[in-house]
Protein backbone atom coordinates (compact mmCIF):
# COMPACT_ATOMS: atom_id res chain seq x y z
CA MET A 1 120.41 92.58 98.99
CA LYS A 2 118.52 94.29 101.80
CA PRO A 3 115.18 92.62 102.57
CA ARG A 4 112.06 94.66 101.84
CA LEU A 5 109.88 92.68 104.26
CA LEU A 6 106.51 94.44 104.59
CA THR A 7 107.88 97.59 102.95
CA ALA A 8 105.08 98.01 100.44
CA GLY A 9 102.44 97.47 103.09
CA LEU A 10 104.10 99.94 105.40
CA MET A 11 104.23 102.83 102.95
CA LEU A 12 100.79 104.22 103.84
CA VAL A 13 101.30 103.63 107.56
CA LEU A 14 104.68 105.32 107.51
CA PHE A 15 103.48 108.64 106.28
CA SER A 16 99.69 108.83 106.61
CA ALA A 17 100.03 110.36 110.07
CA ALA A 18 101.39 113.53 108.49
CA LEU A 19 98.94 113.84 105.61
CA PRO A 20 97.14 117.20 105.56
CA LEU A 21 93.40 117.49 106.06
CA SER A 22 92.94 120.06 103.31
CA ALA A 23 90.64 119.60 100.34
CA GLU A 24 91.66 118.80 96.77
CA PRO A 25 93.60 121.59 95.02
CA ALA A 26 91.92 123.95 92.59
CA PRO A 27 92.31 123.05 88.88
CA ALA A 28 94.78 125.89 88.30
CA ALA A 29 97.08 124.40 90.91
CA SER A 30 96.73 120.78 89.80
CA GLU A 31 99.91 120.71 87.69
CA THR A 32 102.06 122.09 90.51
CA LYS A 33 100.36 119.71 92.93
CA ALA A 34 101.10 116.76 90.67
CA GLY A 35 104.79 117.62 90.66
CA GLU A 36 104.76 117.99 94.42
CA GLU A 37 103.10 114.60 94.87
CA ALA A 38 105.52 112.94 92.45
CA THR A 39 108.44 114.33 94.46
CA LEU A 40 106.88 112.99 97.65
CA GLN A 41 106.24 109.54 96.18
CA ALA A 42 109.83 109.33 94.95
CA LEU A 43 111.01 110.20 98.46
CA TYR A 44 108.85 107.45 99.95
CA GLU A 45 110.42 104.91 97.60
CA THR A 46 113.93 106.11 98.42
CA LEU A 47 113.26 105.72 102.13
CA ALA A 48 111.70 102.30 101.56
CA ASP A 49 114.95 101.24 99.89
CA ARG A 50 116.83 102.61 102.92
CA LYS A 51 118.86 105.01 100.80
CA TYR A 52 118.89 107.50 103.64
CA SER A 53 121.63 109.81 102.43
CA GLU A 54 119.91 110.18 99.06
CA ALA A 55 116.56 110.73 100.77
CA GLU A 56 118.06 113.42 102.99
CA LYS A 57 119.30 115.42 100.00
CA ALA A 58 115.96 115.10 98.20
CA ALA A 59 113.99 116.07 101.30
CA ARG A 60 116.09 119.18 101.90
CA LEU A 61 115.55 120.30 98.31
CA ALA A 62 111.81 119.65 98.59
CA ILE A 63 111.59 121.67 101.82
CA GLU A 64 113.16 124.63 100.01
CA GLN A 65 110.40 124.39 97.38
CA TYR A 66 107.51 123.51 99.69
CA PRO A 67 108.36 124.90 103.15
CA GLU A 68 104.81 124.48 104.49
CA ARG A 69 104.39 120.83 103.44
CA ILE A 70 104.96 118.75 106.56
CA GLU A 71 105.53 115.41 104.81
CA PHE A 72 108.90 116.55 103.50
CA TYR A 73 110.08 117.34 107.02
CA VAL A 74 108.87 113.89 108.09
CA CYS A 75 110.94 112.34 105.31
CA LEU A 76 113.99 114.31 106.42
CA ASP A 77 113.44 113.22 110.03
CA GLN A 78 113.35 109.57 108.95
CA ALA A 79 116.39 109.97 106.71
CA LEU A 80 118.46 111.43 109.55
CA ASN A 81 117.31 108.81 112.03
CA GLY A 82 118.13 106.16 109.44
CA GLN A 83 121.70 107.50 109.38
CA LYS A 84 121.78 107.56 113.21
CA ARG A 85 122.26 111.33 113.16
CA TYR A 86 119.98 111.72 116.11
CA GLU A 87 120.84 115.25 117.22
CA GLU A 88 120.06 116.59 113.75
CA ALA A 89 116.86 114.54 113.70
CA GLU A 90 115.78 116.15 116.97
CA ALA A 91 116.26 119.59 115.41
CA VAL A 92 114.04 118.53 112.49
CA ARG A 93 111.51 117.17 115.01
CA ASN A 94 111.24 120.68 116.43
CA GLN A 95 110.72 122.07 112.92
CA ILE A 96 107.96 119.53 112.33
CA LEU A 97 106.14 120.66 115.45
CA THR A 98 106.52 124.30 114.41
CA VAL A 99 105.11 123.63 110.93
CA TRP A 100 102.32 121.48 112.36
CA THR A 101 101.32 124.15 114.88
CA ALA A 102 101.31 126.87 112.23
CA HIS A 103 99.58 125.05 109.38
CA TYR A 104 97.86 121.89 110.63
CA LYS A 105 96.92 122.10 114.31
CA GLU A 106 93.77 124.19 113.98
CA GLU A 107 92.28 121.93 111.32
CA PHE A 108 93.31 118.86 113.34
CA LEU A 109 91.45 120.14 116.40
CA ASP A 110 88.42 121.16 114.34
CA ALA A 111 88.28 117.64 112.89
CA GLY A 112 88.08 116.13 116.36
CA MET A 113 91.71 115.01 116.61
CA PRO A 114 91.50 111.96 114.28
CA ILE A 115 93.57 109.06 115.58
CA ARG A 116 95.40 108.59 112.27
CA LEU A 117 96.64 112.18 112.41
CA ARG A 118 97.87 112.23 116.00
CA THR A 119 101.37 110.93 115.29
CA TRP A 120 104.08 110.93 112.68
CA ALA A 121 106.51 108.08 112.02
CA ARG A 122 110.04 109.16 112.92
CA MET A 123 112.11 106.05 112.37
CA VAL A 124 111.91 102.46 111.17
CA THR A 125 113.92 99.69 112.82
CA TYR A 126 114.47 96.50 110.85
CA THR A 127 115.32 93.20 112.56
CA PRO A 128 115.21 89.61 111.23
CA GLY A 129 111.96 88.93 113.09
CA PHE A 130 110.05 92.20 113.07
CA ILE A 131 109.93 95.84 112.01
CA ILE A 132 109.27 98.71 114.43
CA LEU A 133 107.67 101.97 113.31
CA SER A 134 108.51 104.51 116.00
CA CYS A 135 106.06 107.40 116.08
CA GLU A 136 105.72 110.54 118.16
CA TYR A 137 102.52 112.34 119.09
CA PHE A 138 102.09 115.89 117.82
CA MET A 139 100.34 116.52 121.14
CA PRO A 140 100.89 114.11 124.04
CA GLU A 141 97.85 111.86 124.32
CA GLU A 142 96.22 112.25 127.74
CA LEU A 143 93.95 109.52 129.04
CA GLY A 144 91.28 110.60 131.50
CA ASP A 145 90.10 114.01 132.64
CA GLU A 146 91.26 113.92 136.24
CA GLU A 147 94.61 113.64 137.97
CA PRO A 148 96.57 111.45 138.07
CA LYS A 149 96.61 110.99 134.30
CA ILE A 150 98.29 108.57 131.95
CA THR A 151 100.02 110.42 129.11
CA ASN A 152 101.31 108.75 125.95
CA TYR A 153 104.32 110.29 124.21
CA TYR A 154 105.46 107.68 121.68
CA LYS A 155 103.68 104.95 119.76
CA PHE A 156 105.43 101.85 118.41
CA ILE A 157 103.78 99.81 115.66
CA VAL A 158 105.52 96.43 115.49
CA HIS A 159 105.00 94.23 112.43
CA PHE A 160 105.85 90.55 112.87
CA GLY A 161 104.37 89.57 109.49
CA PRO A 162 102.25 90.80 106.57
CA ASN A 163 98.81 90.31 108.15
CA PRO A 164 96.86 92.64 110.48
CA GLN A 165 96.95 90.03 113.24
CA ASP A 166 100.75 90.15 113.07
CA VAL A 167 100.79 93.76 114.34
CA ARG A 168 101.23 94.76 117.98
CA ILE A 169 100.99 98.29 119.41
CA PHE A 170 103.14 99.65 122.22
CA LYS A 171 103.20 103.14 123.76
CA LEU A 172 105.56 105.08 125.98
CA GLU A 173 103.35 105.99 128.92
CA HIS A 174 103.91 108.46 131.73
CA SER A 175 102.09 108.42 135.04
CA ASN A 176 102.49 110.35 138.28
CA ILE A 177 100.29 108.34 140.62
CA ILE A 178 103.10 108.23 143.19
CA ALA A 179 106.05 109.72 141.30
CA ASP A 180 107.01 110.34 137.69
CA TYR A 181 107.20 106.98 135.96
CA TYR A 182 107.84 106.18 132.29
CA VAL A 183 107.17 102.75 130.84
CA ILE A 184 106.53 101.15 127.47
CA GLY A 185 103.21 99.37 127.77
CA GLU A 186 101.21 97.08 125.51
CA LEU A 187 97.42 96.91 125.43
CA SER A 188 96.04 93.74 123.86
CA ASP A 189 93.05 91.41 124.14
CA ALA A 190 94.85 89.84 127.09
CA GLY A 191 94.95 93.18 128.91
CA HIS A 192 97.66 95.73 129.66
CA ARG A 193 101.23 94.83 130.49
CA GLN A 194 104.36 96.82 131.22
CA VAL A 195 107.15 95.86 128.85
CA VAL A 196 110.13 98.16 129.52
CA SER A 197 110.37 100.61 132.43
CA PHE A 198 112.53 103.73 132.53
CA GLY A 199 111.79 105.09 135.99
CA SER A 200 111.50 108.86 136.35
CA GLN A 201 113.60 109.71 133.29
CA LYS A 202 111.80 110.13 129.97
CA PRO A 203 113.81 108.30 127.27
CA THR A 204 114.46 109.65 123.82
CA LEU A 205 112.50 108.03 121.03
CA GLN A 206 115.68 106.38 119.82
CA ASP A 207 116.57 104.93 123.23
CA ALA A 208 113.02 103.72 123.79
CA THR A 209 113.02 102.03 120.39
CA ALA A 210 116.30 100.26 121.11
CA ALA A 211 115.04 99.07 124.50
CA LEU A 212 111.81 97.76 123.00
CA ALA A 213 113.66 95.98 120.18
CA GLN A 214 115.96 94.28 122.67
CA LYS A 215 113.03 93.17 124.84
CA LEU A 216 111.14 91.73 121.87
CA LYS A 217 114.23 89.86 120.69
CA GLU A 218 114.62 88.34 124.14
CA GLU A 219 110.97 87.28 124.17
CA MET A 220 111.29 85.64 120.76
CA GLU A 221 114.34 83.67 121.91
CA LYS A 222 112.55 82.12 124.88
């Protein structure tokens, strides 16, 4: 049996980044909305059980019915990444950004770019000691107003246990102080540290996740 460590607790985190900002539906639309939400909840459960092929089929059908609902694209992205079909997942990533730009970006900016809506979770990596939620920013997160800037492209939420104190946050950062430089960094109470460096080449989300997972495994074995 596949372990479901932290799965229930992760459900909101997994998908809340893609939730729309819109108000509650009008009463006339409530029945349709209820069916839409039931479809989405069923997809969440299928992904939580790691039935990625089944989730892919359900997500594609849902996208046909609800082509402007971004959560279904997010589910498809996760299902493809779960099957290690990374090229197809990248194509869906581009669709997600297109849908987000057309239907969500303006409201996101008007709301002051809420932190919880800046990313979407693209893949989940399970290991015996931890779970990694690998997220991508809808818009790269720039720190500071002047050059040189630090820009964050990916966010990794790593759960080592069921409690909030068991969570660590890592980000793929880019700087150009001297030359282009990509590194996964961690900011904690102890300060900032560089965890995995990639030099001048920006890694894919999948490669960055694998490198972070390997580094964390090595640290746990020490």
